[in-house]
Amino acid sequence: MGTDSIRHPLTRTLLVLTLTTGLIDAACYLGLGRVFAANMTGNVVLLGFGIAGSGGLPVVAPLVSLAAFLAGAVVGGRMGVRPAAKEARLSRAMLIEVGLIALATLLAVAVDITPDHFSGDLVIGLLAFAMGMRNATVRGLKVTDLSTTVLTMTLTGLAADSQLAGGRGTGNWRRSAAVWSMLAGAVIGALLLKADLALVLLAAAVLALATWLVFIPAAIGAAD
């Protein structure tokens, strides 16, 4: 059973992480001033709008997110240089991600997080760093169309490889599951945010912890 199947342990791991991404970007965009922690394409576009002074969009927050994401990706890339199984590298990266999201959650509980202020930018930075590190680590796994942080190529593959386009539709169940996972995360995050930002971050932290404790060990076992 390959990673084209949604029953593969590694595929399930990445789908849960995609769900987590929906939660985190809901927290950032809706709760921290219209900025993303995972979707850097969106941040570049929003930064351009902000520089142009359109729609009252921020400039500092996207810059913080971009810088933190790149720093996280550098760390993730450095971790990939060390000789270790791909799943083991993912496990190490997830342990750090759990810690960063947990720290962001504690800050949201202890401090009044305000968008466009240091407190908001700090939480954005922690989450974007975690997403950058994860993105670099998942990239090394080379599971097609499952980056866990963006869906552009996933949706492209879903359409371009479909029977309607003359393809065989291989892997489309997995791609569809990725889309639904992020959508579900965004919906859940938006609903939880109506109560409290800390609830969204707590849900993301719990999912990340469950991934590290349950799903990644299953993926490592399948690889062995």
N, C-alpha and C. Protein backbone atom coordinates (compact mmCIF):
# COMPACT_ATOMS: atom_id res chain seq x y z
N MET A 1 0.85 -1.19 0.00
CA MET A 1 0.00 0.00 0.00
C MET A 1 0.88 1.24 0.00
N GLY A 2 0.77 2.07 -1.07
CA GLY A 2 1.61 3.25 -1.19
C GLY A 2 0.92 4.48 -0.62
N THR A 3 1.65 5.61 -0.67
CA THR A 3 1.11 6.84 -0.11
C THR A 3 -0.01 7.44 -0.96
N ASP A 4 -0.28 6.86 -2.15
CA ASP A 4 -1.45 7.29 -2.92
C ASP A 4 -2.74 6.92 -2.19
N SER A 5 -2.67 5.96 -1.30
CA SER A 5 -3.85 5.51 -0.56
C SER A 5 -3.99 6.32 0.74
N ILE A 6 -5.22 6.72 1.06
CA ILE A 6 -5.45 7.45 2.30
C ILE A 6 -5.37 6.52 3.51
N ARG A 7 -5.22 5.20 3.28
CA ARG A 7 -5.05 4.27 4.39
C ARG A 7 -3.59 4.13 4.82
N HIS A 8 -2.68 4.67 4.02
CA HIS A 8 -1.27 4.58 4.37
C HIS A 8 -1.00 5.44 5.62
N PRO A 9 -0.29 4.94 6.61
CA PRO A 9 -0.06 5.70 7.86
C PRO A 9 0.57 7.07 7.64
N LEU A 10 1.51 7.18 6.69
CA LEU A 10 2.15 8.47 6.45
C LEU A 10 1.15 9.44 5.83
N THR A 11 0.32 8.95 4.92
CA THR A 11 -0.70 9.80 4.31
C THR A 11 -1.67 10.31 5.37
N ARG A 12 -2.09 9.44 6.27
CA ARG A 12 -2.98 9.86 7.35
C ARG A 12 -2.32 10.90 8.24
N THR A 13 -1.04 10.73 8.49
CA THR A 13 -0.29 11.71 9.29
C THR A 13 -0.34 13.08 8.63
N LEU A 14 -0.08 13.13 7.33
CA LEU A 14 -0.05 14.40 6.62
C LEU A 14 -1.43 15.02 6.51
N LEU A 15 -2.47 14.20 6.45
CA LEU A 15 -3.83 14.72 6.40
C LEU A 15 -4.21 15.38 7.73
N VAL A 16 -3.79 14.77 8.83
CA VAL A 16 -4.06 15.39 10.14
C VAL A 16 -3.31 16.71 10.26
N LEU A 17 -2.08 16.76 9.75
CA LEU A 17 -1.32 18.01 9.78
C LEU A 17 -1.97 19.07 8.90
N THR A 18 -2.58 18.65 7.80
CA THR A 18 -3.30 19.59 6.93
C THR A 18 -4.50 20.18 7.67
N LEU A 19 -5.19 19.34 8.43
CA LEU A 19 -6.29 19.82 9.28
C LEU A 19 -5.79 20.86 10.27
N THR A 20 -4.63 20.59 10.87
CA THR A 20 -4.04 21.52 11.82
C THR A 20 -3.73 22.86 11.16
N THR A 21 -3.27 22.82 9.92
CA THR A 21 -2.98 24.05 9.18
C THR A 21 -4.22 24.92 9.05
N GLY A 22 -5.36 24.31 8.77
CA GLY A 22 -6.61 25.07 8.68
C GLY A 22 -6.92 25.80 9.97
N LEU A 23 -6.70 25.13 11.10
CA LEU A 23 -6.91 25.76 12.41
C LEU A 23 -5.97 26.94 12.61
N ILE A 24 -4.69 26.73 12.31
CA ILE A 24 -3.69 27.76 12.57
C ILE A 24 -3.91 28.99 11.68
N ASP A 25 -4.20 28.78 10.40
CA ASP A 25 -4.42 29.94 9.54
C ASP A 25 -5.73 30.64 9.86
N ALA A 26 -6.72 29.91 10.37
CA ALA A 26 -7.94 30.57 10.84
C ALA A 26 -7.63 31.48 12.02
N ALA A 27 -6.81 30.98 12.95
CA ALA A 27 -6.42 31.78 14.12
C ALA A 27 -5.67 33.04 13.69
N CYS A 28 -4.75 32.89 12.74
CA CYS A 28 -3.93 34.02 12.32
C CYS A 28 -4.73 35.04 11.50
N TYR A 29 -5.42 34.55 10.50
CA TYR A 29 -6.10 35.49 9.59
C TYR A 29 -7.27 36.18 10.27
N LEU A 30 -8.06 35.42 10.99
CA LEU A 30 -9.26 35.98 11.61
C LEU A 30 -8.99 36.61 12.98
N GLY A 31 -7.99 36.09 13.69
CA GLY A 31 -7.77 36.55 15.05
C GLY A 31 -6.56 37.43 15.25
N LEU A 32 -5.63 37.45 14.27
CA LEU A 32 -4.38 38.18 14.47
C LEU A 32 -4.10 39.21 13.39
N GLY A 33 -5.15 39.62 12.68
CA GLY A 33 -4.97 40.75 11.77
C GLY A 33 -4.70 40.43 10.33
N ARG A 34 -5.44 39.51 9.75
CA ARG A 34 -5.40 39.22 8.31
C ARG A 34 -3.99 38.93 7.81
N VAL A 35 -3.44 37.87 8.38
CA VAL A 35 -2.12 37.37 7.98
C VAL A 35 -2.15 35.86 8.12
N PHE A 36 -1.35 35.16 7.34
CA PHE A 36 -1.29 33.70 7.39
C PHE A 36 0.01 33.26 8.05
N ALA A 37 -0.04 32.11 8.71
CA ALA A 37 1.17 31.50 9.26
C ALA A 37 1.72 30.44 8.33
N ALA A 38 0.87 29.86 7.47
CA ALA A 38 1.29 28.76 6.60
C ALA A 38 1.26 29.13 5.13
N ASN A 39 0.29 29.90 4.70
CA ASN A 39 0.10 30.22 3.29
C ASN A 39 0.93 31.44 2.90
N MET A 40 2.16 31.20 2.50
CA MET A 40 3.07 32.31 2.19
C MET A 40 2.72 33.01 0.88
N THR A 41 2.07 32.30 -0.05
CA THR A 41 1.59 32.96 -1.27
C THR A 41 0.61 34.06 -0.90
N GLY A 42 -0.32 33.72 -0.02
CA GLY A 42 -1.29 34.70 0.45
C GLY A 42 -0.62 35.87 1.15
N ASN A 43 0.42 35.58 1.94
CA ASN A 43 1.11 36.65 2.65
C ASN A 43 1.82 37.62 1.70
N VAL A 44 2.43 37.09 0.66
CA VAL A 44 3.11 37.96 -0.31
C VAL A 44 2.10 38.89 -0.98
N VAL A 45 0.95 38.34 -1.36
CA VAL A 45 -0.09 39.15 -2.00
C VAL A 45 -0.63 40.19 -1.01
N LEU A 46 -0.92 39.76 0.23
CA LEU A 46 -1.42 40.69 1.24
C LEU A 46 -0.41 41.78 1.55
N LEU A 47 0.88 41.42 1.56
CA LEU A 47 1.93 42.40 1.79
C LEU A 47 1.93 43.46 0.68
N GLY A 48 1.76 43.00 -0.54
CA GLY A 48 1.68 43.94 -1.66
C GLY A 48 0.50 44.89 -1.51
N PHE A 49 -0.66 44.35 -1.12
CA PHE A 49 -1.83 45.20 -0.90
C PHE A 49 -1.56 46.20 0.22
N GLY A 50 -0.91 45.71 1.31
CA GLY A 50 -0.62 46.59 2.44
C GLY A 50 0.34 47.70 2.07
N ILE A 51 1.37 47.38 1.28
CA ILE A 51 2.32 48.41 0.84
C ILE A 51 1.61 49.47 -0.01
N ALA A 52 0.64 49.01 -0.80
CA ALA A 52 -0.12 49.94 -1.64
C ALA A 52 -1.16 50.73 -0.85
N GLY A 53 -1.34 50.38 0.42
CA GLY A 53 -2.30 51.09 1.26
C GLY A 53 -3.74 50.75 0.96
N SER A 54 -3.96 49.53 0.46
CA SER A 54 -5.32 49.12 0.10
C SER A 54 -5.98 48.33 1.23
N GLY A 55 -7.21 48.68 1.52
CA GLY A 55 -8.03 47.90 2.46
C GLY A 55 -7.55 47.91 3.89
N GLY A 56 -6.66 48.82 4.24
CA GLY A 56 -6.16 48.87 5.60
C GLY A 56 -5.39 47.62 6.02
N LEU A 57 -4.81 46.93 5.05
CA LEU A 57 -4.10 45.69 5.35
C LEU A 57 -2.74 45.98 5.98
N PRO A 58 -2.28 45.10 6.88
CA PRO A 58 -1.02 45.35 7.58
C PRO A 58 0.19 45.10 6.69
N VAL A 59 1.31 45.67 7.09
CA VAL A 59 2.59 45.43 6.41
C VAL A 59 3.54 44.67 7.32
N VAL A 60 3.57 45.04 8.59
CA VAL A 60 4.52 44.43 9.52
C VAL A 60 4.21 42.95 9.74
N ALA A 61 2.95 42.61 9.98
CA ALA A 61 2.58 41.22 10.29
C ALA A 61 2.96 40.24 9.18
N PRO A 62 2.67 40.55 7.89
CA PRO A 62 3.13 39.62 6.83
C PRO A 62 4.64 39.50 6.77
N LEU A 63 5.35 40.59 7.04
CA LEU A 63 6.82 40.53 7.05
C LEU A 63 7.32 39.64 8.18
N VAL A 64 6.70 39.77 9.35
CA VAL A 64 7.07 38.91 10.48
C VAL A 64 6.82 37.45 10.13
N SER A 65 5.66 37.18 9.55
CA SER A 65 5.31 35.81 9.20
C SER A 65 6.26 35.23 8.15
N LEU A 66 6.56 36.02 7.12
CA LEU A 66 7.47 35.56 6.07
C LEU A 66 8.87 35.28 6.64
N ALA A 67 9.37 36.20 7.47
CA ALA A 67 10.71 36.01 8.03
C ALA A 67 10.76 34.78 8.94
N ALA A 68 9.73 34.61 9.78
CA ALA A 68 9.71 33.47 10.69
C ALA A 68 9.56 32.16 9.92
N PHE A 69 8.72 32.16 8.89
CA PHE A 69 8.53 30.97 8.06
C PHE A 69 9.85 30.56 7.41
N LEU A 70 10.56 31.52 6.84
CA LEU A 70 11.84 31.23 6.20
C LEU A 70 12.86 30.71 7.20
N ALA A 71 12.87 31.32 8.40
CA ALA A 71 13.79 30.83 9.44
C ALA A 71 13.46 29.39 9.82
N GLY A 72 12.17 29.10 9.95
CA GLY A 72 11.76 27.73 10.26
C GLY A 72 12.14 26.76 9.17
N ALA A 73 12.00 27.20 7.91
CA ALA A 73 12.35 26.34 6.78
C ALA A 73 13.86 26.06 6.76
N VAL A 74 14.66 27.06 7.15
CA VAL A 74 16.11 26.85 7.24
C VAL A 74 16.42 25.78 8.28
N VAL A 75 15.78 25.89 9.45
CA VAL A 75 16.00 24.90 10.51
C VAL A 75 15.55 23.52 10.03
N GLY A 76 14.38 23.46 9.37
CA GLY A 76 13.90 22.19 8.85
C GLY A 76 14.85 21.60 7.82
N GLY A 77 15.41 22.47 6.98
CA GLY A 77 16.38 22.01 5.99
C GLY A 77 17.65 21.48 6.64
N ARG A 78 18.12 22.18 7.68
CA ARG A 78 19.30 21.71 8.40
C ARG A 78 19.06 20.36 9.06
N MET A 79 17.87 20.18 9.59
CA MET A 79 17.53 18.89 10.20
C MET A 79 17.54 17.78 9.17
N GLY A 80 17.19 18.12 7.93
CA GLY A 80 17.16 17.12 6.87
C GLY A 80 18.52 16.70 6.39
N VAL A 81 19.56 17.50 6.70
CA VAL A 81 20.92 17.17 6.29
C VAL A 81 21.46 15.99 7.09
N ARG A 82 21.03 15.89 8.34
CA ARG A 82 21.53 14.82 9.21
C ARG A 82 21.02 13.46 8.74
N PRO A 83 21.85 12.42 8.77
CA PRO A 83 21.41 11.10 8.33
C PRO A 83 20.38 10.51 9.29
N ALA A 84 19.18 10.33 8.81
CA ALA A 84 18.10 9.74 9.61
C ALA A 84 16.96 9.40 8.67
N ALA A 85 16.12 8.47 9.10
CA ALA A 85 14.95 8.12 8.29
C ALA A 85 14.03 9.34 8.17
N LYS A 86 13.36 9.44 7.04
CA LYS A 86 12.49 10.59 6.80
C LYS A 86 11.42 10.72 7.88
N GLU A 87 10.83 9.60 8.27
CA GLU A 87 9.78 9.64 9.28
C GLU A 87 10.34 10.08 10.63
N ALA A 88 11.59 9.68 10.93
CA ALA A 88 12.22 10.10 12.19
C ALA A 88 12.46 11.61 12.19
N ARG A 89 12.85 12.17 11.05
CA ARG A 89 13.03 13.62 10.95
C ARG A 89 11.70 14.33 11.15
N LEU A 90 10.63 13.77 10.60
CA LEU A 90 9.30 14.35 10.79
C LEU A 90 8.92 14.32 12.27
N SER A 91 9.27 13.25 12.95
CA SER A 91 8.96 13.14 14.37
C SER A 91 9.67 14.23 15.17
N ARG A 92 10.95 14.48 14.88
CA ARG A 92 11.69 15.54 15.58
C ARG A 92 11.09 16.91 15.29
N ALA A 93 10.77 17.14 14.02
CA ALA A 93 10.18 18.44 13.67
C ALA A 93 8.83 18.63 14.34
N MET A 94 8.05 17.55 14.44
CA MET A 94 6.74 17.67 15.08
C MET A 94 6.86 17.94 16.56
N LEU A 95 7.87 17.39 17.21
CA LEU A 95 8.07 17.66 18.63
C LEU A 95 8.32 19.15 18.85
N ILE A 96 9.12 19.76 18.00
CA ILE A 96 9.37 21.20 18.10
C ILE A 96 8.09 21.97 17.78
N GLU A 97 7.33 21.52 16.77
CA GLU A 97 6.07 22.19 16.42
C GLU A 97 5.09 22.16 17.58
N VAL A 98 4.99 21.02 18.24
CA VAL A 98 4.09 20.92 19.41
C VAL A 98 4.49 21.95 20.45
N GLY A 99 5.79 22.06 20.72
CA GLY A 99 6.26 23.02 21.71
C GLY A 99 5.94 24.46 21.33
N LEU A 100 6.13 24.81 20.05
CA LEU A 100 5.88 26.18 19.60
C LEU A 100 4.40 26.53 19.65
N ILE A 101 3.54 25.60 19.21
CA ILE A 101 2.10 25.88 19.25
C ILE A 101 1.62 25.94 20.70
N ALA A 102 2.17 25.08 21.55
CA ALA A 102 1.80 25.11 22.97
C ALA A 102 2.21 26.44 23.60
N LEU A 103 3.40 26.94 23.25
CA LEU A 103 3.85 28.23 23.77
C LEU A 103 2.93 29.35 23.29
N ALA A 104 2.53 29.32 22.02
CA ALA A 104 1.60 30.32 21.50
C ALA A 104 0.27 30.25 22.24
N THR A 105 -0.18 29.02 22.56
CA THR A 105 -1.43 28.85 23.30
C THR A 105 -1.32 29.45 24.70
N LEU A 106 -0.21 29.21 25.38
CA LEU A 106 0.00 29.76 26.73
C LEU A 106 0.03 31.28 26.69
N LEU A 107 0.65 31.85 25.67
CA LEU A 107 0.66 33.31 25.52
C LEU A 107 -0.75 33.85 25.34
N ALA A 108 -1.56 33.14 24.54
CA ALA A 108 -2.93 33.58 24.30
C ALA A 108 -3.78 33.50 25.57
N VAL A 109 -3.44 32.57 26.45
CA VAL A 109 -4.15 32.45 27.73
C VAL A 109 -3.70 33.52 28.72
N ALA A 110 -2.40 33.78 28.74
CA ALA A 110 -1.84 34.64 29.79
C ALA A 110 -1.86 36.13 29.42
N VAL A 111 -1.86 36.44 28.12
CA VAL A 111 -1.71 37.83 27.68
C VAL A 111 -2.87 38.19 26.76
N ASP A 112 -3.23 39.45 26.78
CA ASP A 112 -4.25 39.96 25.86
C ASP A 112 -3.60 40.15 24.50
N ILE A 113 -3.80 39.20 23.61
CA ILE A 113 -3.15 39.24 22.29
C ILE A 113 -3.86 40.27 21.42
N THR A 114 -3.09 41.23 20.92
CA THR A 114 -3.65 42.31 20.11
C THR A 114 -3.01 42.32 18.73
N PRO A 115 -3.82 42.27 17.66
CA PRO A 115 -3.24 42.36 16.31
C PRO A 115 -2.49 43.67 16.11
N ASP A 116 -1.45 43.64 15.29
CA ASP A 116 -0.64 44.82 14.96
C ASP A 116 0.13 45.35 16.16
N HIS A 117 0.28 44.52 17.19
CA HIS A 117 1.12 44.85 18.34
C HIS A 117 2.12 43.72 18.54
N PHE A 118 3.07 43.94 19.46
CA PHE A 118 4.12 42.96 19.68
C PHE A 118 3.54 41.59 20.04
N SER A 119 2.51 41.57 20.90
CA SER A 119 1.94 40.29 21.34
C SER A 119 1.41 39.49 20.16
N GLY A 120 0.69 40.17 19.26
CA GLY A 120 0.16 39.47 18.08
C GLY A 120 1.25 39.01 17.15
N ASP A 121 2.25 39.88 16.93
CA ASP A 121 3.35 39.51 16.04
C ASP A 121 4.18 38.35 16.60
N LEU A 122 4.29 38.28 17.94
CA LEU A 122 5.04 37.19 18.56
C LEU A 122 4.35 35.86 18.31
N VAL A 123 3.04 35.83 18.50
CA VAL A 123 2.29 34.59 18.24
C VAL A 123 2.38 34.21 16.77
N ILE A 124 2.24 35.19 15.89
CA ILE A 124 2.37 34.92 14.45
C ILE A 124 3.74 34.33 14.14
N GLY A 125 4.78 34.91 14.72
CA GLY A 125 6.13 34.43 14.48
C GLY A 125 6.34 33.00 14.93
N LEU A 126 5.82 32.66 16.11
CA LEU A 126 5.95 31.29 16.62
C LEU A 126 5.25 30.30 15.69
N LEU A 127 4.05 30.64 15.26
CA LEU A 127 3.29 29.72 14.41
C LEU A 127 3.90 29.62 13.02
N ALA A 128 4.35 30.74 12.46
CA ALA A 128 4.95 30.72 11.12
C ALA A 128 6.27 29.95 11.13
N PHE A 129 7.05 30.10 12.19
CA PHE A 129 8.30 29.34 12.30
C PHE A 129 7.99 27.84 12.29
N ALA A 130 6.98 27.44 13.05
CA ALA A 130 6.59 26.02 13.10
C ALA A 130 6.15 25.53 11.73
N MET A 131 5.37 26.36 11.01
CA MET A 131 4.89 25.95 9.69
C MET A 131 6.03 25.87 8.68
N GLY A 132 6.99 26.79 8.77
CA GLY A 132 8.14 26.74 7.86
C GLY A 132 8.98 25.50 8.08
N MET A 133 9.23 25.17 9.34
CA MET A 133 10.02 23.98 9.65
C MET A 133 9.30 22.73 9.19
N ARG A 134 7.99 22.69 9.44
CA ARG A 134 7.21 21.52 8.99
C ARG A 134 7.21 21.41 7.47
N ASN A 135 7.04 22.54 6.79
CA ASN A 135 6.97 22.51 5.33
C ASN A 135 8.26 21.97 4.74
N ALA A 136 9.40 22.40 5.29
CA ALA A 136 10.70 21.90 4.80
C ALA A 136 10.84 20.41 5.07
N THR A 137 10.37 19.97 6.23
CA THR A 137 10.49 18.55 6.58
C THR A 137 9.59 17.69 5.71
N VAL A 138 8.34 18.12 5.52
CA VAL A 138 7.39 17.36 4.70
C VAL A 138 7.85 17.34 3.25
N ARG A 139 8.46 18.43 2.80
CA ARG A 139 8.99 18.47 1.43
C ARG A 139 9.98 17.35 1.19
N GLY A 140 10.78 17.03 2.22
CA GLY A 140 11.75 15.95 2.10
C GLY A 140 11.13 14.57 2.02
N LEU A 141 9.86 14.45 2.43
CA LEU A 141 9.18 13.15 2.36
C LEU A 141 8.77 12.81 0.93
N LYS A 142 8.62 13.85 0.09
CA LYS A 142 8.30 13.68 -1.34
C LYS A 142 7.02 12.89 -1.57
N VAL A 143 5.99 13.25 -0.80
CA VAL A 143 4.65 12.70 -1.03
C VAL A 143 3.92 13.71 -1.90
N THR A 144 3.64 13.35 -3.11
CA THR A 144 3.10 14.28 -4.11
C THR A 144 1.81 14.93 -3.64
N ASP A 145 1.75 16.27 -3.78
CA ASP A 145 0.54 17.05 -3.52
C ASP A 145 0.08 17.02 -2.07
N LEU A 146 0.95 16.69 -1.14
CA LEU A 146 0.58 16.74 0.28
C LEU A 146 1.63 17.52 1.05
N SER A 147 1.65 18.83 0.83
CA SER A 147 2.61 19.67 1.54
C SER A 147 2.13 19.98 2.95
N THR A 148 0.84 19.81 3.21
CA THR A 148 0.13 20.08 4.48
C THR A 148 -0.11 21.57 4.73
N THR A 149 0.47 22.47 3.93
CA THR A 149 0.30 23.90 4.20
C THR A 149 -0.36 24.68 3.06
N VAL A 150 -0.29 24.18 1.83
CA VAL A 150 -0.93 24.84 0.70
C VAL A 150 -1.64 23.79 -0.16
N LEU A 151 -2.61 24.26 -0.95
CA LEU A 151 -3.42 23.32 -1.73
C LEU A 151 -3.39 23.59 -3.23
N THR A 152 -2.61 24.58 -3.68
CA THR A 152 -2.64 24.95 -5.10
C THR A 152 -2.27 23.77 -5.99
N MET A 153 -1.14 23.12 -5.72
CA MET A 153 -0.72 21.99 -6.55
C MET A 153 -1.61 20.77 -6.32
N THR A 154 -2.16 20.65 -5.13
CA THR A 154 -3.08 19.55 -4.85
C THR A 154 -4.33 19.68 -5.72
N LEU A 155 -4.89 20.88 -5.77
CA LEU A 155 -6.07 21.11 -6.59
C LEU A 155 -5.75 20.98 -8.08
N THR A 156 -4.55 21.44 -8.47
CA THR A 156 -4.13 21.30 -9.87
C THR A 156 -4.06 19.82 -10.26
N GLY A 157 -3.41 19.01 -9.40
CA GLY A 157 -3.32 17.58 -9.68
C GLY A 157 -4.68 16.92 -9.69
N LEU A 158 -5.56 17.34 -8.78
CA LEU A 158 -6.90 16.77 -8.71
C LEU A 158 -7.65 16.97 -10.03
N ALA A 159 -7.52 18.16 -10.61
CA ALA A 159 -8.21 18.45 -11.87
C ALA A 159 -7.47 17.88 -13.07
N ALA A 160 -6.15 18.10 -13.13
CA ALA A 160 -5.37 17.72 -14.32
C ALA A 160 -5.27 16.21 -14.49
N ASP A 161 -5.29 15.45 -13.40
CA ASP A 161 -5.18 13.99 -13.48
C ASP A 161 -6.53 13.29 -13.45
N SER A 162 -7.60 14.07 -13.45
CA SER A 162 -8.94 13.47 -13.39
C SER A 162 -9.30 12.80 -14.72
N GLN A 163 -10.28 11.95 -14.69
CA GLN A 163 -10.76 11.30 -15.92
C GLN A 163 -11.34 12.32 -16.88
N LEU A 164 -11.89 13.41 -16.33
CA LEU A 164 -12.44 14.47 -17.19
C LEU A 164 -11.35 15.10 -18.04
N ALA A 165 -10.11 15.14 -17.49
CA ALA A 165 -8.98 15.71 -18.23
C ALA A 165 -8.22 14.66 -19.03
N GLY A 166 -8.72 13.43 -19.03
CA GLY A 166 -8.07 12.37 -19.77
C GLY A 166 -7.09 11.55 -18.96
N GLY A 167 -7.03 11.79 -17.66
CA GLY A 167 -6.14 11.03 -16.80
C GLY A 167 -6.83 9.84 -16.16
N ARG A 168 -6.12 9.17 -15.25
CA ARG A 168 -6.67 7.99 -14.59
C ARG A 168 -7.21 8.30 -13.19
N GLY A 169 -6.97 9.49 -12.73
CA GLY A 169 -7.47 9.87 -11.41
C GLY A 169 -6.69 9.25 -10.26
N THR A 170 -5.46 8.81 -10.53
CA THR A 170 -4.65 8.18 -9.49
C THR A 170 -4.33 9.18 -8.38
N GLY A 171 -4.59 8.79 -7.15
CA GLY A 171 -4.29 9.65 -6.01
C GLY A 171 -5.32 10.71 -5.71
N ASN A 172 -6.43 10.71 -6.46
CA ASN A 172 -7.41 11.78 -6.27
C ASN A 172 -8.19 11.65 -4.96
N TRP A 173 -8.32 10.42 -4.44
CA TRP A 173 -8.95 10.28 -3.12
C TRP A 173 -8.11 10.98 -2.07
N ARG A 174 -6.81 10.79 -2.17
CA ARG A 174 -5.89 11.43 -1.21
C ARG A 174 -5.92 12.94 -1.37
N ARG A 175 -5.91 13.43 -2.59
CA ARG A 175 -5.95 14.88 -2.83
C ARG A 175 -7.25 15.48 -2.32
N SER A 176 -8.35 14.80 -2.59
CA SER A 176 -9.64 15.29 -2.10
C SER A 176 -9.67 15.33 -0.58
N ALA A 177 -9.10 14.30 0.04
CA ALA A 177 -9.05 14.26 1.50
C ALA A 177 -8.24 15.43 2.05
N ALA A 178 -7.17 15.82 1.36
CA ALA A 178 -6.35 16.96 1.80
C ALA A 178 -7.16 18.26 1.75
N VAL A 179 -7.93 18.43 0.68
CA VAL A 179 -8.76 19.63 0.55
C VAL A 179 -9.80 19.69 1.66
N TRP A 180 -10.47 18.57 1.88
CA TRP A 180 -11.50 18.52 2.92
C TRP A 180 -10.90 18.69 4.31
N SER A 181 -9.69 18.19 4.51
CA SER A 181 -9.04 18.33 5.81
C SER A 181 -8.77 19.79 6.13
N MET A 182 -8.19 20.53 5.16
CA MET A 182 -7.91 21.93 5.43
C MET A 182 -9.19 22.73 5.58
N LEU A 183 -10.19 22.41 4.77
CA LEU A 183 -11.48 23.10 4.88
C LEU A 183 -12.10 22.87 6.26
N ALA A 184 -12.05 21.62 6.72
CA ALA A 184 -12.61 21.30 8.04
C ALA A 184 -11.85 22.05 9.13
N GLY A 185 -10.52 22.10 9.02
CA GLY A 185 -9.73 22.84 10.00
C GLY A 185 -10.08 24.31 10.03
N ALA A 186 -10.28 24.90 8.85
CA ALA A 186 -10.63 26.32 8.78
C ALA A 186 -12.01 26.58 9.39
N VAL A 187 -12.96 25.71 9.11
CA VAL A 187 -14.31 25.87 9.67
C VAL A 187 -14.28 25.74 11.19
N ILE A 188 -13.62 24.69 11.68
CA ILE A 188 -13.53 24.48 13.13
C ILE A 188 -12.81 25.65 13.79
N GLY A 189 -11.72 26.11 13.17
CA GLY A 189 -10.97 27.23 13.73
C GLY A 189 -11.80 28.49 13.80
N ALA A 190 -12.56 28.77 12.73
CA ALA A 190 -13.40 29.97 12.72
C ALA A 190 -14.49 29.90 13.79
N LEU A 191 -15.04 28.71 13.99
CA LEU A 191 -16.09 28.56 15.02
C LEU A 191 -15.50 28.70 16.42
N LEU A 192 -14.35 28.08 16.67
CA LEU A 192 -13.72 28.19 17.99
C LEU A 192 -13.28 29.62 18.29
N LEU A 193 -12.89 30.35 17.24
CA LEU A 193 -12.42 31.71 17.43
C LEU A 193 -13.53 32.62 17.94
N LYS A 194 -14.77 32.25 17.67
CA LYS A 194 -15.89 33.05 18.19
C LYS A 194 -15.92 33.03 19.72
N ALA A 195 -15.34 31.98 20.29
CA ALA A 195 -15.25 31.89 21.75
C ALA A 195 -13.96 32.50 22.26
N ASP A 196 -12.80 32.06 21.71
CA ASP A 196 -11.51 32.55 22.20
C ASP A 196 -10.40 32.09 21.27
N LEU A 197 -9.44 32.96 21.04
CA LEU A 197 -8.26 32.62 20.22
C LEU A 197 -7.51 31.45 20.83
N ALA A 198 -7.42 31.42 22.15
CA ALA A 198 -6.67 30.36 22.83
C ALA A 198 -7.27 28.98 22.54
N LEU A 199 -8.58 28.91 22.35
CA LEU A 199 -9.23 27.62 22.05
C LEU A 199 -8.77 27.07 20.71
N VAL A 200 -8.63 27.95 19.73
CA VAL A 200 -8.17 27.51 18.40
C VAL A 200 -6.74 26.98 18.50
N LEU A 201 -5.89 27.73 19.19
CA LEU A 201 -4.50 27.31 19.32
C LEU A 201 -4.38 26.04 20.15
N LEU A 202 -5.23 25.90 21.16
CA LEU A 202 -5.22 24.67 21.97
C LEU A 202 -5.61 23.47 21.11
N ALA A 203 -6.63 23.64 20.27
CA ALA A 203 -7.05 22.54 19.39
C ALA A 203 -5.91 22.16 18.44
N ALA A 204 -5.21 23.16 17.91
CA ALA A 204 -4.08 22.89 17.01
C ALA A 204 -2.96 22.17 17.76
N ALA A 205 -2.70 22.59 18.99
CA ALA A 205 -1.66 21.95 19.79
C ALA A 205 -2.01 20.50 20.11
N VAL A 206 -3.26 20.25 20.44
CA VAL A 206 -3.70 18.88 20.74
C VAL A 206 -3.57 17.99 19.50
N LEU A 207 -3.96 18.51 18.35
CA LEU A 207 -3.84 17.73 17.11
C LEU A 207 -2.38 17.46 16.77
N ALA A 208 -1.53 18.46 16.95
CA ALA A 208 -0.10 18.27 16.68
C ALA A 208 0.49 17.22 17.64
N LEU A 209 0.08 17.28 18.90
CA LEU A 209 0.56 16.31 19.88
C LEU A 209 0.07 14.90 19.53
N ALA A 210 -1.19 14.78 19.12
CA ALA A 210 -1.73 13.47 18.73
C ALA A 210 -0.99 12.93 17.52
N THR A 211 -0.63 13.83 16.60
CA THR A 211 0.15 13.41 15.42
C THR A 211 1.48 12.82 15.85
N TRP A 212 2.15 13.51 16.78
CA TRP A 212 3.47 13.06 17.23
C TRP A 212 3.38 11.75 18.02
N LEU A 213 2.33 11.61 18.84
CA LEU A 213 2.22 10.45 19.71
C LEU A 213 1.64 9.22 19.02
N VAL A 214 0.73 9.43 18.05
CA VAL A 214 -0.03 8.32 17.48
C VAL A 214 0.29 8.08 16.01
N PHE A 215 0.14 9.12 15.20
CA PHE A 215 0.22 8.92 13.75
C PHE A 215 1.65 8.72 13.25
N ILE A 216 2.59 9.52 13.76
CA ILE A 216 3.97 9.37 13.29
C ILE A 216 4.57 8.03 13.69
N PRO A 217 4.38 7.54 14.94
CA PRO A 217 4.87 6.18 15.25
C PRO A 217 4.31 5.11 14.31
N ALA A 218 3.04 5.26 13.92
CA ALA A 218 2.45 4.30 12.97
C ALA A 218 3.13 4.39 11.61
N ALA A 219 3.47 5.61 11.19
CA ALA A 219 4.16 5.79 9.91
C ALA A 219 5.57 5.22 9.96
N ILE A 220 6.26 5.41 11.10
CA ILE A 220 7.60 4.84 11.26
C ILE A 220 7.54 3.33 11.24
N GLY A 221 6.51 2.77 11.91
CA GLY A 221 6.35 1.32 11.91
C GLY A 221 6.09 0.77 10.53
N ALA A 222 5.30 1.49 9.72
CA ALA A 222 5.03 1.06 8.35
C ALA A 222 6.29 1.10 7.50
N ALA A 223 7.14 2.13 7.75
CA ALA A 223 8.39 2.25 6.98
C ALA A 223 9.35 1.13 7.34
N ASP A 224 9.36 0.74 8.61
CA ASP A 224 10.24 -0.35 9.04
C ASP A 224 9.78 -1.69 8.47
